[in-house]
N, C-alpha and C. Protein backbone atom coordinates (compact mmCIF):
# COMPACT_ATOMS: atom_id res chain seq x y z
N MET A 1 4.74 -8.16 0.67
CA MET A 1 4.39 -7.83 -0.75
C MET A 1 3.28 -8.29 -0.84
N VAL A 2 2.50 -7.47 -2.03
CA VAL A 2 1.51 -8.11 -2.05
C VAL A 2 1.46 -9.08 -3.54
N PRO A 3 0.59 -10.30 -3.26
CA PRO A 3 1.04 -11.44 -4.40
C PRO A 3 0.58 -10.70 -5.64
N PRO A 4 1.45 -11.40 -6.73
CA PRO A 4 1.06 -10.91 -8.12
C PRO A 4 -0.16 -11.40 -8.35
N GLU A 5 -0.83 -12.30 -8.03
CA GLU A 5 -2.10 -12.71 -8.37
C GLU A 5 -3.32 -12.11 -7.71
N VAL A 6 -2.88 -11.06 -6.83
CA VAL A 6 -3.94 -9.82 -6.36
C VAL A 6 -4.22 -8.86 -7.32
N ARG A 7 -5.36 -8.67 -7.86
CA ARG A 7 -5.77 -8.12 -8.85
C ARG A 7 -7.07 -7.50 -8.32
N PRO A 8 -7.36 -5.90 -8.27
CA PRO A 8 -6.47 -5.24 -9.08
C PRO A 8 -5.25 -5.05 -8.25
N SER A 9 -4.22 -4.22 -9.36
CA SER A 9 -3.08 -3.81 -8.59
C SER A 9 -3.15 -2.72 -7.58
N PRO A 10 -2.92 -2.89 -6.47
CA PRO A 10 -2.53 -1.81 -5.57
C PRO A 10 -2.31 -0.48 -6.11
N ALA A 11 -0.99 -0.32 -6.94
CA ALA A 11 -0.77 0.90 -7.26
C ALA A 11 -1.56 1.22 -8.09
N THR A 12 -2.58 0.82 -8.82
CA THR A 12 -3.70 1.40 -9.53
C THR A 12 -4.30 2.69 -8.60
N LEU A 13 -4.50 2.35 -7.54
CA LEU A 13 -5.05 3.20 -6.70
C LEU A 13 -3.89 4.36 -6.20
N GLU A 14 -2.63 3.77 -6.01
CA GLU A 14 -2.02 4.80 -5.53
C GLU A 14 -1.50 5.82 -6.17
N HIS A 15 -1.76 5.66 -7.83
CA HIS A 15 -1.32 6.56 -8.75
C HIS A 15 -1.91 7.43 -8.69
N VAL A 16 -3.08 7.92 -8.33
CA VAL A 16 -4.05 9.00 -7.74
C VAL A 16 -4.03 9.52 -6.76
N SER A 17 -2.87 8.85 -5.90
CA SER A 17 -2.99 9.51 -4.35
C SER A 17 -1.47 10.56 -4.81
N GLU A 18 -1.80 11.50 -3.71
CA GLU A 18 -0.52 12.59 -3.26
C GLU A 18 0.68 12.28 -2.22
N HIS A 19 0.34 10.95 -1.78
CA HIS A 19 1.29 10.60 -0.59
C HIS A 19 2.42 10.12 -1.09
N PRO A 20 3.71 11.03 -0.64
CA PRO A 20 5.20 10.41 -1.38
C PRO A 20 5.23 8.93 -0.83
N LEU A 21 5.08 7.76 -0.36
CA LEU A 21 4.80 6.52 -0.29
C LEU A 21 4.22 5.81 -1.51
N ALA A 22 3.09 6.87 -2.28
CA ALA A 22 2.58 6.36 -3.32
C ALA A 22 3.57 6.12 -4.92
N GLU A 23 4.33 7.00 -4.62
CA GLU A 23 5.38 7.43 -5.70
C GLU A 23 6.36 5.82 -5.67
N ALA A 24 6.53 5.59 -4.73
CA ALA A 24 7.53 4.46 -4.32
C ALA A 24 6.64 3.00 -5.21
N ILE A 25 5.29 3.07 -4.83
CA ILE A 25 4.90 1.88 -5.24
C ILE A 25 4.44 1.77 -6.30
N VAL A 26 4.08 2.92 -7.19
CA VAL A 26 3.41 3.02 -8.68
C VAL A 26 5.08 3.03 -9.19
N ALA A 27 6.29 3.41 -8.78
CA ALA A 27 7.47 2.97 -9.74
C ALA A 27 7.79 1.29 -9.82
N GLY A 28 7.28 0.77 -8.57
CA GLY A 28 7.73 -0.47 -8.56
C GLY A 28 6.67 -1.28 -9.09
N ALA A 29 5.69 -0.84 -9.44
CA ALA A 29 4.80 -1.40 -9.97
C ALA A 29 4.94 -1.73 -11.73
N ARG A 30 5.19 -0.32 -12.11
CA ARG A 30 5.93 0.25 -13.63
C ARG A 30 7.27 -0.81 -13.96
N GLN A 31 8.03 -0.48 -12.96
CA GLN A 31 9.28 -1.64 -13.18
C GLN A 31 9.12 -3.33 -13.27
N ARG A 32 7.93 -3.49 -12.69
CA ARG A 32 7.44 -4.83 -12.73
C ARG A 32 6.49 -5.08 -14.10
N GLY A 33 5.90 -4.32 -14.85
CA GLY A 33 5.54 -3.92 -16.06
C GLY A 33 4.06 -4.39 -16.04
N LEU A 34 3.57 -3.80 -14.52
CA LEU A 34 2.03 -3.74 -14.46
C LEU A 34 1.46 -2.41 -15.05
N ALA A 35 0.19 -2.82 -16.08
CA ALA A 35 -0.67 -1.80 -16.23
C ALA A 35 -1.35 -1.15 -15.03
N LEU A 36 -1.96 -0.06 -15.39
CA LEU A 36 -2.61 0.67 -14.12
C LEU A 36 -3.61 1.16 -14.83
N SER A 37 -4.81 0.85 -14.20
CA SER A 37 -6.36 1.08 -14.88
C SER A 37 -6.77 2.61 -14.16
N ASP A 38 -7.85 2.77 -14.57
CA ASP A 38 -8.58 4.07 -14.00
C ASP A 38 -9.42 3.49 -12.56
N VAL A 39 -9.19 4.94 -11.58
CA VAL A 39 -10.03 4.67 -10.47
C VAL A 39 -10.91 5.47 -9.88
N GLN A 40 -11.88 4.96 -9.55
CA GLN A 40 -13.40 5.87 -9.37
C GLN A 40 -13.73 5.69 -7.64
N ASP A 41 -13.87 6.83 -7.49
CA ASP A 41 -14.51 6.95 -5.85
C ASP A 41 -13.43 6.96 -4.98
N PHE A 42 -12.24 7.57 -5.26
CA PHE A 42 -11.20 8.03 -4.75
C PHE A 42 -11.30 8.47 -3.27
N ALA A 43 -11.10 8.02 -2.34
CA ALA A 43 -11.04 8.82 -0.99
C ALA A 43 -9.89 8.66 -0.28
N SER A 44 -9.29 9.78 0.68
CA SER A 44 -7.95 9.71 1.23
C SER A 44 -8.23 10.32 2.73
N THR A 45 -7.67 9.32 3.65
CA THR A 45 -8.29 9.80 5.25
C THR A 45 -6.99 9.87 5.58
N THR A 46 -6.52 11.38 6.00
CA THR A 46 -5.43 11.67 6.54
C THR A 46 -4.77 10.77 7.50
N GLY A 47 -3.65 10.19 7.70
CA GLY A 47 -2.75 9.45 8.49
C GLY A 47 -3.51 8.11 8.69
N LYS A 48 -4.13 7.51 7.96
CA LYS A 48 -4.88 6.46 7.69
C LYS A 48 -4.27 5.47 6.67
N GLY A 49 -4.95 6.12 5.33
CA GLY A 49 -4.92 5.62 3.94
C GLY A 49 -5.82 6.24 3.08
N VAL A 50 -5.78 5.26 1.75
CA VAL A 50 -6.61 5.59 0.70
C VAL A 50 -7.46 4.28 0.29
N SER A 51 -8.57 4.87 -0.54
CA SER A 51 -9.70 3.75 -0.75
C SER A 51 -10.38 4.17 -1.74
N GLY A 52 -10.77 3.28 -2.89
CA GLY A 52 -11.24 3.54 -4.33
C GLY A 52 -11.73 2.24 -4.66
N ARG A 53 -12.37 2.28 -6.14
CA ARG A 53 -13.15 1.17 -6.87
C ARG A 53 -11.98 1.05 -7.84
N VAL A 54 -11.30 -0.01 -8.01
CA VAL A 54 -10.62 -0.13 -9.40
C VAL A 54 -10.72 -1.17 -10.10
N GLU A 55 -11.10 -1.60 -11.05
CA GLU A 55 -11.64 -2.31 -11.94
C GLU A 55 -13.19 -3.37 -11.21
N GLY A 56 -13.89 -2.11 -10.95
CA GLY A 56 -15.40 -3.13 -10.26
C GLY A 56 -15.10 -3.14 -8.79
N ARG A 57 -13.94 -3.18 -8.15
CA ARG A 57 -13.51 -3.95 -6.99
C ARG A 57 -13.42 -2.62 -5.94
N GLN A 58 -13.21 -3.02 -4.74
CA GLN A 58 -13.38 -1.73 -3.83
C GLN A 58 -11.74 -2.46 -3.23
N VAL A 59 -10.99 -1.16 -3.37
CA VAL A 59 -9.49 -1.55 -3.33
C VAL A 59 -8.91 -0.32 -1.70
N SER A 60 -8.50 -0.93 -0.81
CA SER A 60 -7.78 -0.12 0.30
C SER A 60 -6.39 -0.37 0.71
N ILE A 61 -6.11 0.90 0.39
CA ILE A 61 -4.54 0.96 1.53
C ILE A 61 -4.10 1.66 2.29
N GLY A 62 -3.79 1.38 3.53
CA GLY A 62 -3.64 2.18 4.79
C GLY A 62 -2.50 1.09 5.89
N ASN A 63 -2.76 1.69 7.09
CA ASN A 63 -2.33 1.56 7.80
C ASN A 63 -3.33 0.65 8.91
N GLN A 64 -2.80 0.17 9.92
CA GLN A 64 -3.45 -0.97 10.63
C GLN A 64 -4.80 -0.10 11.08
N ARG A 65 -4.82 0.77 11.55
CA ARG A 65 -6.08 1.89 11.64
C ARG A 65 -6.87 2.16 10.74
N HIS A 66 -6.59 2.23 9.46
CA HIS A 66 -7.04 2.53 8.34
C HIS A 66 -8.11 1.03 8.19
N LEU A 67 -7.22 -0.13 8.18
CA LEU A 67 -7.70 -1.45 8.03
C LEU A 67 -8.66 -1.54 9.19
N GLU A 68 -8.68 -1.66 10.56
CA GLU A 68 -9.45 -1.50 11.46
C GLU A 68 -10.87 -0.67 11.41
N ALA A 69 -10.86 0.55 10.64
CA ALA A 69 -12.05 1.08 10.60
C ALA A 69 -12.94 0.79 9.59
N LEU A 70 -12.02 -0.21 8.72
CA LEU A 70 -13.30 -0.72 7.68
C LEU A 70 -13.45 -2.41 8.20
N GLY A 71 -13.52 -2.81 9.26
CA GLY A 71 -13.72 -3.43 9.97
C GLY A 71 -13.00 -4.84 9.30
N ILE A 72 -11.89 -4.69 9.30
CA ILE A 72 -10.94 -5.79 8.67
C ILE A 72 -10.04 -6.30 9.89
N ASP A 73 -9.81 -7.39 10.12
CA ASP A 73 -8.97 -8.02 11.10
C ASP A 73 -7.81 -8.33 10.22
N PRO A 74 -6.90 -7.17 11.09
CA PRO A 74 -5.88 -7.74 10.09
C PRO A 74 -4.87 -9.41 10.68
N GLY A 75 -5.41 -10.15 11.37
CA GLY A 75 -5.06 -11.28 11.82
C GLY A 75 -3.28 -11.35 12.13
N THR A 76 -3.11 -12.38 11.45
CA THR A 76 -1.70 -12.85 11.71
C THR A 76 -0.58 -12.06 10.70
N ALA A 77 -1.22 -11.07 10.19
CA ALA A 77 -0.80 -9.99 9.13
C ALA A 77 0.31 -9.42 9.78
N SER A 78 -0.42 -8.92 11.12
CA SER A 78 0.29 -7.88 11.83
C SER A 78 1.42 -8.26 12.53
N ALA A 79 1.96 -9.18 12.50
CA ALA A 79 3.03 -10.23 12.93
C ALA A 79 4.26 -9.54 11.74
N ARG A 80 3.68 -10.20 10.64
CA ARG A 80 4.67 -9.69 9.28
C ARG A 80 5.16 -8.26 9.31
N ALA A 81 3.68 -7.27 9.31
CA ALA A 81 4.08 -6.14 9.60
C ALA A 81 4.93 -5.74 10.43
N ASP A 82 4.99 -6.00 11.57
CA ASP A 82 6.00 -6.16 12.53
C ASP A 82 7.41 -6.25 12.31
N ALA A 83 7.34 -7.18 11.45
CA ALA A 83 8.95 -8.02 10.92
C ALA A 83 9.50 -7.04 9.87
N LEU A 84 8.62 -6.41 9.08
CA LEU A 84 8.80 -5.88 7.83
C LEU A 84 9.39 -4.36 8.47
N ARG A 85 8.81 -3.99 9.59
CA ARG A 85 9.07 -2.64 10.09
C ARG A 85 10.51 -2.60 10.87
N SER A 86 10.87 -4.21 11.60
CA SER A 86 12.06 -4.13 12.22
C SER A 86 13.19 -4.14 11.14
N ASP A 87 12.88 -4.03 9.99
CA ASP A 87 13.93 -3.77 8.69
C ASP A 87 14.03 -2.70 7.92
N GLY A 88 13.17 -2.00 8.81
CA GLY A 88 13.30 -0.69 8.06
C GLY A 88 12.29 -0.31 7.36
N GLN A 89 11.24 -0.87 6.98
CA GLN A 89 10.16 -0.82 6.13
C GLN A 89 9.25 -0.21 6.43
N THR A 90 8.39 1.07 5.77
CA THR A 90 7.12 1.32 6.39
C THR A 90 5.88 0.43 5.45
N VAL A 91 5.33 -0.10 6.37
CA VAL A 91 4.20 -1.18 5.85
C VAL A 91 2.87 -0.70 5.62
N MET A 92 2.34 -1.20 4.95
CA MET A 92 0.83 -0.52 4.06
C MET A 92 0.04 -2.03 3.97
N PHE A 93 -1.23 -1.91 4.92
CA PHE A 93 -2.07 -3.04 4.60
C PHE A 93 -2.96 -2.59 2.90
N VAL A 94 -3.13 -4.18 2.27
CA VAL A 94 -4.10 -3.63 0.92
C VAL A 94 -5.21 -4.83 1.43
N ALA A 95 -6.25 -3.88 0.97
CA ALA A 95 -7.46 -4.81 1.54
C ALA A 95 -8.36 -4.85 -0.01
N VAL A 96 -8.91 -6.04 -0.87
CA VAL A 96 -9.77 -5.56 -1.75
C VAL A 96 -11.13 -6.77 -1.04
N ASP A 97 -12.12 -6.02 -1.44
CA ASP A 97 -13.56 -6.01 -1.13
C ASP A 97 -13.55 -6.57 0.14
N LEU A 98 -12.83 -5.71 1.17
CA LEU A 98 -12.86 -5.73 2.45
C LEU A 98 -12.08 -7.00 3.01
N GLN A 99 -11.56 -7.41 2.11
CA GLN A 99 -11.01 -8.67 2.63
C GLN A 99 -9.05 -8.41 2.57
N LEU A 100 -8.68 -8.69 3.80
CA LEU A 100 -7.22 -8.49 3.83
C LEU A 100 -6.53 -9.34 2.61
N ALA A 101 -5.52 -8.54 1.48
CA ALA A 101 -5.42 -9.30 0.46
C ALA A 101 -3.52 -9.21 0.79
N GLY A 102 -3.19 -8.53 1.74
CA GLY A 102 -1.65 -8.38 1.43
C GLY A 102 -0.95 -7.48 2.04
N LEU A 103 0.36 -6.99 2.36
CA LEU A 103 1.06 -5.90 2.54
C LEU A 103 2.22 -5.63 1.80
N ILE A 104 2.16 -4.10 1.59
CA ILE A 104 3.66 -3.58 0.97
C ILE A 104 4.38 -3.38 1.94
N GLY A 105 5.55 -3.53 1.74
CA GLY A 105 6.53 -2.78 2.38
C GLY A 105 7.79 -2.18 1.73
N VAL A 106 8.00 -0.38 2.23
CA VAL A 106 8.83 0.17 1.39
C VAL A 106 9.56 0.69 2.23
N ALA A 107 11.05 0.78 1.59
CA ALA A 107 12.33 0.99 2.58
C ALA A 107 12.65 1.40 1.47
N ALA A 108 13.44 2.87 2.13
CA ALA A 108 14.14 3.60 1.31
C ALA A 108 15.53 3.50 1.05
N PRO A 109 16.49 3.72 -0.31
CA PRO A 109 17.41 2.69 -0.40
C PRO A 109 18.30 3.97 0.73
N LEU A 110 19.57 3.14 1.56
CA LEU A 110 20.49 4.13 2.28
C LEU A 110 21.10 4.94 1.43
N LYS A 111 21.29 6.29 1.93
CA LYS A 111 21.92 7.39 1.27
C LYS A 111 23.36 7.25 1.95
N PRO A 112 24.54 8.23 1.20
CA PRO A 112 25.59 8.17 1.37
C PRO A 112 25.87 8.84 2.90
N PRO A 113 26.48 8.79 3.85
CA PRO A 113 26.51 9.92 4.83
C PRO A 113 27.02 11.01 4.55
N THR A 114 26.65 12.14 5.32
CA THR A 114 26.62 13.20 4.96
C THR A 114 27.68 13.90 5.81
N ARG A 115 28.69 14.47 5.39
CA ARG A 115 30.01 15.10 5.98
C ARG A 115 29.76 15.67 7.06
N GLY A 116 30.14 15.73 8.46
CA GLY A 116 29.83 16.86 9.56
C GLY A 116 28.48 16.13 10.12
N ALA A 117 27.63 15.62 9.61
CA ALA A 117 26.45 15.40 9.94
C ALA A 117 26.58 14.48 11.34
């Protein structure tokens, strides 16, 4: 999870994204009372992630390939991402001003079993 001191909020970038996981990130931010600001220069790279300027800073959220395409080394965050994935979470790396800022793990709640499935 991205530490609360990381500003700007990654959810600000995600609130203009059409990706299904973006909704979960924005909902989580709103539950925590985080304000969402404006996004400039929004760009989405299919299969990798999103980037844009938030509060004057370059923010990027995406998978490890997205991070590496930006020239950012995930370092030890890769091991933490693997641990979150093994817990069933989808993991996104967050970078602010081309520096790794944290991880976001999203897990869907378990649904009741479907009869006959």
